[in-house]
Amino acid sequence: MSKQLLVGIGLLLVLMGAIWTGQGLGFIGGSFMTGEVLWAVIGPLTALAGAALAYRGSKKKA
């Protein structure tokens, strides 16, 4: 995969994880995920995986 694609996917996962965390904690309403503890756990894990992927993509040799 190209560096830009890895970084892009990683950043998208970070954003999704942040949204899922906000919904799980009840900060963002209007979804079946709102107030559900499961999404408060899945969100940070997804964001962490995305950050690792973006970091790996930024360090990958061309």
PDB file of N, CA and C in Angstrom:
ATOM      1  N   MET A   1       0.847  -1.187   0.000  1.00  0.00           N
ATOM      2  CA  MET A   1       0.000   0.000   0.000  1.00  0.00           C
ATOM      3  C   MET A   1       0.884   1.238   0.000  1.00  0.00           C
ATOM      4  N   SER A   2       0.350   2.294  -0.561  1.00  0.00           N
ATOM      5  CA  SER A   2       1.124   3.524  -0.581  1.00  0.00           C
ATOM      6  C   SER A   2       1.066   4.215   0.779  1.00  0.00           C
ATOM      7  N   LYS A   3       2.051   5.071   1.011  1.00  0.00           N
ATOM      8  CA  LYS A   3       2.127   5.795   2.274  1.00  0.00           C
ATOM      9  C   LYS A   3       0.874   6.625   2.518  1.00  0.00           C
ATOM     10  N   GLN A   4       0.427   7.324   1.476  1.00  0.00           N
ATOM     11  CA  GLN A   4      -0.734   8.205   1.628  1.00  0.00           C
ATOM     12  C   GLN A   4      -1.997   7.422   1.963  1.00  0.00           C
ATOM     13  N   LEU A   5      -2.137   6.252   1.367  1.00  0.00           N
ATOM     14  CA  LEU A   5      -3.320   5.437   1.634  1.00  0.00           C
ATOM     15  C   LEU A   5      -3.321   4.938   3.081  1.00  0.00           C
ATOM     16  N   LEU A   6      -2.180   4.472   3.560  1.00  0.00           N
ATOM     17  CA  LEU A   6      -2.094   4.008   4.946  1.00  0.00           C
ATOM     18  C   LEU A   6      -2.389   5.139   5.927  1.00  0.00           C
ATOM     19  N   VAL A   7      -1.815   6.299   5.667  1.00  0.00           N
ATOM     20  CA  VAL A   7      -2.053   7.445   6.552  1.00  0.00           C
ATOM     21  C   VAL A   7      -3.522   7.862   6.487  1.00  0.00           C
ATOM     22  N   GLY A   8      -4.094   7.895   5.295  1.00  0.00           N
ATOM     23  CA  GLY A   8      -5.494   8.280   5.141  1.00  0.00           C
ATOM     24  C   GLY A   8      -6.438   7.335   5.854  1.00  0.00           C
ATOM     25  N   ILE A   9      -6.230   6.039   5.678  1.00  0.00           N
ATOM     26  CA  ILE A   9      -7.069   5.048   6.358  1.00  0.00           C
ATOM     27  C   ILE A   9      -6.883   5.152   7.869  1.00  0.00           C
ATOM     28  N   GLY A  10      -5.648   5.342   8.299  1.00  0.00           N
ATOM     29  CA  GLY A  10      -5.373   5.488   9.725  1.00  0.00           C
ATOM     30  C   GLY A  10      -6.088   6.680  10.329  1.00  0.00           C
ATOM     31  N   LEU A  11      -6.046   7.810   9.642  1.00  0.00           N
ATOM     32  CA  LEU A  11      -6.720   9.012  10.150  1.00  0.00           C
ATOM     33  C   LEU A  11      -8.241   8.843  10.147  1.00  0.00           C
ATOM     34  N   LEU A  12      -8.758   8.145   9.159  1.00  0.00           N
ATOM     35  CA  LEU A  12     -10.186   7.867   9.123  1.00  0.00           C
ATOM     36  C   LEU A  12     -10.593   6.989  10.309  1.00  0.00           C
ATOM     37  N   LEU A  13      -9.768   6.002  10.632  1.00  0.00           N
ATOM     38  CA  LEU A  13     -10.046   5.148  11.791  1.00  0.00           C
ATOM     39  C   LEU A  13      -9.975   5.936  13.104  1.00  0.00           C
ATOM     40  N   VAL A  14      -9.045   6.870  13.197  1.00  0.00           N
ATOM     41  CA  VAL A  14      -8.963   7.717  14.394  1.00  0.00           C
ATOM     42  C   VAL A  14     -10.237   8.536  14.542  1.00  0.00           C
ATOM     43  N   LEU A  15     -10.708   9.123  13.441  1.00  0.00           N
ATOM     44  CA  LEU A  15     -11.934   9.912  13.481  1.00  0.00           C
ATOM     45  C   LEU A  15     -13.145   9.048  13.854  1.00  0.00           C
ATOM     46  N   MET A  16     -13.248   7.885  13.236  1.00  0.00           N
ATOM     47  CA  MET A  16     -14.352   6.980  13.568  1.00  0.00           C
ATOM     48  C   MET A  16     -14.299   6.570  15.035  1.00  0.00           C
ATOM     49  N   GLY A  17     -13.104   6.259  15.527  1.00  0.00           N
ATOM     50  CA  GLY A  17     -12.956   5.876  16.927  1.00  0.00           C
ATOM     51  C   GLY A  17     -13.361   6.986  17.874  1.00  0.00           C
ATOM     52  N   ALA A  18     -12.995   8.215  17.520  1.00  0.00           N
ATOM     53  CA  ALA A  18     -13.370   9.359  18.361  1.00  0.00           C
ATOM     54  C   ALA A  18     -14.890   9.536  18.387  1.00  0.00           C
ATOM     55  N   ILE A  19     -15.528   9.386  17.238  1.00  0.00           N
ATOM     56  CA  ILE A  19     -16.986   9.513  17.173  1.00  0.00           C
ATOM     57  C   ILE A  19     -17.653   8.400  17.978  1.00  0.00           C
ATOM     58  N   TRP A  20     -17.179   7.169  17.786  1.00  0.00           N
ATOM     59  CA  TRP A  20     -17.757   6.043  18.520  1.00  0.00           C
ATOM     60  C   TRP A  20     -17.572   6.206  20.027  1.00  0.00           C
ATOM     61  N   THR A  21     -16.418   6.729  20.443  1.00  0.00           N
ATOM     62  CA  THR A  21     -16.189   6.973  21.868  1.00  0.00           C
ATOM     63  C   THR A  21     -17.169   8.015  22.393  1.00  0.00           C
ATOM     64  N   GLY A  22     -17.321   9.102  21.647  1.00  0.00           N
ATOM     65  CA  GLY A  22     -18.269  10.146  22.046  1.00  0.00           C
ATOM     66  C   GLY A  22     -19.691   9.631  22.146  1.00  0.00           C
ATOM     67  N   GLN A  23     -20.071   8.779  21.212  1.00  0.00           N
ATOM     68  CA  GLN A  23     -21.412   8.211  21.263  1.00  0.00           C
ATOM     69  C   GLN A  23     -21.546   7.244  22.442  1.00  0.00           C
ATOM     70  N   GLY A  24     -20.545   6.417  22.638  1.00  0.00           N
ATOM     71  CA  GLY A  24     -20.601   5.458  23.739  1.00  0.00           C
ATOM     72  C   GLY A  24     -20.671   6.120  25.099  1.00  0.00           C
ATOM     73  N   LEU A  25     -20.018   7.264  25.218  1.00  0.00           N
ATOM     74  CA  LEU A  25     -20.034   7.994  26.483  1.00  0.00           C
ATOM     75  C   LEU A  25     -21.245   8.914  26.618  1.00  0.00           C
ATOM     76  N   GLY A  26     -22.049   9.010  25.569  1.00  0.00           N
ATOM     77  CA  GLY A  26     -23.258   9.822  25.626  1.00  0.00           C
ATOM     78  C   GLY A  26     -23.058  11.275  25.260  1.00  0.00           C
ATOM     79  N   PHE A  27     -21.891  11.652  24.754  1.00  0.00           N
ATOM     80  CA  PHE A  27     -21.638  13.042  24.370  1.00  0.00           C
ATOM     81  C   PHE A  27     -22.257  13.376  23.012  1.00  0.00           C
ATOM     82  N   ILE A  28     -22.394  12.378  22.152  1.00  0.00           N
ATOM     83  CA  ILE A  28     -22.979  12.559  20.827  1.00  0.00           C
ATOM     84  C   ILE A  28     -24.231  11.689  20.772  1.00  0.00           C
ATOM     85  N   GLY A  29     -25.359  12.319  20.560  1.00  0.00           N
ATOM     86  CA  GLY A  29     -26.618  11.584  20.571  1.00  0.00           C
ATOM     87  C   GLY A  29     -27.108  11.239  19.181  1.00  0.00           C
ATOM     88  N   GLY A  30     -28.273  10.596  19.134  1.00  0.00           N
ATOM     89  CA  GLY A  30     -28.941  10.321  17.881  1.00  0.00           C
ATOM     90  C   GLY A  30     -28.570   9.018  17.215  1.00  0.00           C
ATOM     91  N   SER A  31     -28.068   8.067  17.960  1.00  0.00           N
ATOM     92  CA  SER A  31     -27.651   6.800  17.376  1.00  0.00           C
ATOM     93  C   SER A  31     -27.951   5.675  18.351  1.00  0.00           C
ATOM     94  N   PHE A  32     -28.018   4.466  17.814  1.00  0.00           N
ATOM     95  CA  PHE A  32     -28.192   3.296  18.686  1.00  0.00           C
ATOM     96  C   PHE A  32     -26.972   3.087  19.570  1.00  0.00           C
ATOM     97  N   MET A  33     -25.850   3.730  19.226  1.00  0.00           N
ATOM     98  CA  MET A  33     -24.616   3.589  19.995  1.00  0.00           C
ATOM     99  C   MET A  33     -24.593   4.513  21.220  1.00  0.00           C
ATOM    100  N   THR A  34     -25.474   5.500  21.249  1.00  0.00           N
ATOM    101  CA  THR A  34     -25.459   6.498  22.314  1.00  0.00           C
ATOM    102  C   THR A  34     -25.682   5.855  23.676  1.00  0.00           C
ATOM    103  N   GLY A  35     -24.747   6.096  24.568  1.00  0.00           N
ATOM    104  CA  GLY A  35     -24.845   5.610  25.932  1.00  0.00           C
ATOM    105  C   GLY A  35     -24.502   4.137  26.111  1.00  0.00           C
ATOM    106  N   GLU A  36     -24.025   3.480  25.078  1.00  0.00           N
ATOM    107  CA  GLU A  36     -23.670   2.061  25.159  1.00  0.00           C
ATOM    108  C   GLU A  36     -22.190   1.909  25.500  1.00  0.00           C
ATOM    109  N   VAL A  37     -21.914   1.227  26.589  1.00  0.00           N
ATOM    110  CA  VAL A  37     -20.542   1.048  27.065  1.00  0.00           C
ATOM    111  C   VAL A  37     -19.670   0.339  26.032  1.00  0.00           C
ATOM    112  N   LEU A  38     -20.252  -0.586  25.292  1.00  0.00           N
ATOM    113  CA  LEU A  38     -19.495  -1.320  24.283  1.00  0.00           C
ATOM    114  C   LEU A  38     -18.798  -0.364  23.316  1.00  0.00           C
ATOM    115  N   TRP A  39     -19.499   0.683  22.874  1.00  0.00           N
ATOM    116  CA  TRP A  39     -18.909   1.626  21.925  1.00  0.00           C
ATOM    117  C   TRP A  39     -17.904   2.556  22.592  1.00  0.00           C
ATOM    118  N   ALA A  40     -18.022   2.727  23.906  1.00  0.00           N
ATOM    119  CA  ALA A  40     -17.026   3.494  24.649  1.00  0.00           C
ATOM    120  C   ALA A  40     -15.719   2.712  24.761  1.00  0.00           C
ATOM    121  N   VAL A  41     -15.757   1.411  24.536  1.00  0.00           N
ATOM    122  CA  VAL A  41     -14.558   0.573  24.543  1.00  0.00           C
ATOM    123  C   VAL A  41     -14.028   0.379  23.114  1.00  0.00           C
ATOM    124  N   ILE A  42     -14.930   0.098  22.175  1.00  0.00           N
ATOM    125  CA  ILE A  42     -14.532  -0.119  20.787  1.00  0.00           C
ATOM    126  C   ILE A  42     -13.924   1.152  20.190  1.00  0.00           C
ATOM    127  N   GLY A  43     -14.461   2.304  20.534  1.00  0.00           N
ATOM    128  CA  GLY A  43     -13.991   3.572  19.978  1.00  0.00           C
ATOM    129  C   GLY A  43     -12.508   3.840  20.213  1.00  0.00           C
ATOM    130  N   PRO A  44     -12.049   3.824  21.457  1.00  0.00           N
ATOM    131  CA  PRO A  44     -10.622   4.070  21.695  1.00  0.00           C
ATOM    132  C   PRO A  44      -9.716   3.014  21.074  1.00  0.00           C
ATOM    133  N   LEU A  45     -10.181   1.765  21.054  1.00  0.00           N
ATOM    134  CA  LEU A  45      -9.374   0.712  20.421  1.00  0.00           C
ATOM    135  C   LEU A  45      -9.230   0.967  18.923  1.00  0.00           C
ATOM    136  N   THR A  46     -10.308   1.399  18.292  1.00  0.00           N
ATOM    137  CA  THR A  46     -10.273   1.719  16.868  1.00  0.00           C
ATOM    138  C   THR A  46      -9.371   2.921  16.610  1.00  0.00           C
ATOM    139  N   ALA A  47      -9.482   3.938  17.451  1.00  0.00           N
ATOM    140  CA  ALA A  47      -8.644   5.124  17.294  1.00  0.00           C
ATOM    141  C   ALA A  47      -7.171   4.782  17.480  1.00  0.00           C
ATOM    142  N   LEU A  48      -6.870   3.932  18.429  1.00  0.00           N
ATOM    143  CA  LEU A  48      -5.488   3.517  18.668  1.00  0.00           C
ATOM    144  C   LEU A  48      -4.946   2.732  17.477  1.00  0.00           C
ATOM    145  N   ALA A  49      -5.750   1.833  16.932  1.00  0.00           N
ATOM    146  CA  ALA A  49      -5.324   1.076  15.750  1.00  0.00           C
ATOM    147  C   ALA A  49      -5.104   2.016  14.565  1.00  0.00           C
ATOM    148  N   GLY A  50      -5.969   3.003  14.410  1.00  0.00           N
ATOM    149  CA  GLY A  50      -5.815   3.970  13.333  1.00  0.00           C
ATOM    150  C   GLY A  50      -4.563   4.809  13.492  1.00  0.00           C
ATOM    151  N   ALA A  51      -4.270   5.213  14.719  1.00  0.00           N
ATOM    152  CA  ALA A  51      -3.061   5.996  14.968  1.00  0.00           C
ATOM    153  C   ALA A  51      -1.808   5.176  14.656  1.00  0.00           C
ATOM    154  N   ALA A  52      -1.839   3.904  15.016  1.00  0.00           N
ATOM    155  CA  ALA A  52      -0.697   3.036  14.718  1.00  0.00           C
ATOM    156  C   ALA A  52      -0.533   2.860  13.212  1.00  0.00           C
ATOM    157  N   LEU A  53      -1.637   2.695  12.503  1.00  0.00           N
ATOM    158  CA  LEU A  53      -1.581   2.541  11.049  1.00  0.00           C
ATOM    159  C   LEU A  53      -1.063   3.811  10.380  1.00  0.00           C
ATOM    160  N   ALA A  54      -1.544   4.965  10.836  1.00  0.00           N
ATOM    161  CA  ALA A  54      -1.081   6.237  10.271  1.00  0.00           C
ATOM    162  C   ALA A  54       0.401   6.440  10.562  1.00  0.00           C
ATOM    163  N   TYR A  55       0.830   6.090  11.751  1.00  0.00           N
ATOM    164  CA  TYR A  55       2.250   6.213  12.101  1.00  0.00           C
ATOM    165  C   TYR A  55       3.093   5.297  11.228  1.00  0.00           C
ATOM    166  N   ARG A  56       2.632   4.068  11.066  1.00  0.00           N
ATOM    167  CA  ARG A  56       3.374   3.115  10.225  1.00  0.00           C
ATOM    168  C   ARG A  56       3.449   3.623   8.782  1.00  0.00           C
ATOM    169  N   GLY A  57       2.357   4.171   8.294  1.00  0.00           N
ATOM    170  CA  GLY A  57       2.367   4.697   6.934  1.00  0.00           C
ATOM    171  C   GLY A  57       3.278   5.884   6.775  1.00  0.00           C
ATOM    172  N   SER A  58       3.374   6.701   7.814  1.00  0.00           N
ATOM    173  CA  SER A  58       4.240   7.878   7.713  1.00  0.00           C
ATOM    174  C   SER A  58       5.716   7.512   7.797  1.00  0.00           C
ATOM    175  N   LYS A  59       6.022   6.362   8.353  1.00  0.00           N
ATOM    176  CA  LYS A  59       7.412   5.934   8.495  1.00  0.00           C
ATOM    177  C   LYS A  59       7.851   4.941   7.424  1.00  0.00           C
ATOM    178  N   LYS A  60       6.908   4.467   6.627  1.00  0.00           N
ATOM    179  CA  LYS A  60       7.217   3.460   5.600  1.00  0.00           C
ATOM    180  C   LYS A  60       8.139   4.066   4.535  1.00  0.00           C
ATOM    181  N   LYS A  61       9.117   3.300   4.134  1.00  0.00           N
ATOM    182  CA  LYS A  61      10.040   3.769   3.105  1.00  0.00           C
ATOM    183  C   LYS A  61       9.344   3.769   1.747  1.00  0.00           C
ATOM    184  N   ALA A  62       9.703   4.728   0.928  1.00  0.00           N
ATOM    185  CA  ALA A  62       9.085   4.889  -0.395  1.00  0.00           C
ATOM    186  C   ALA A  62       9.464   3.862  -1.363  1.00  0.00           C
TER     187      ALA A  62
END
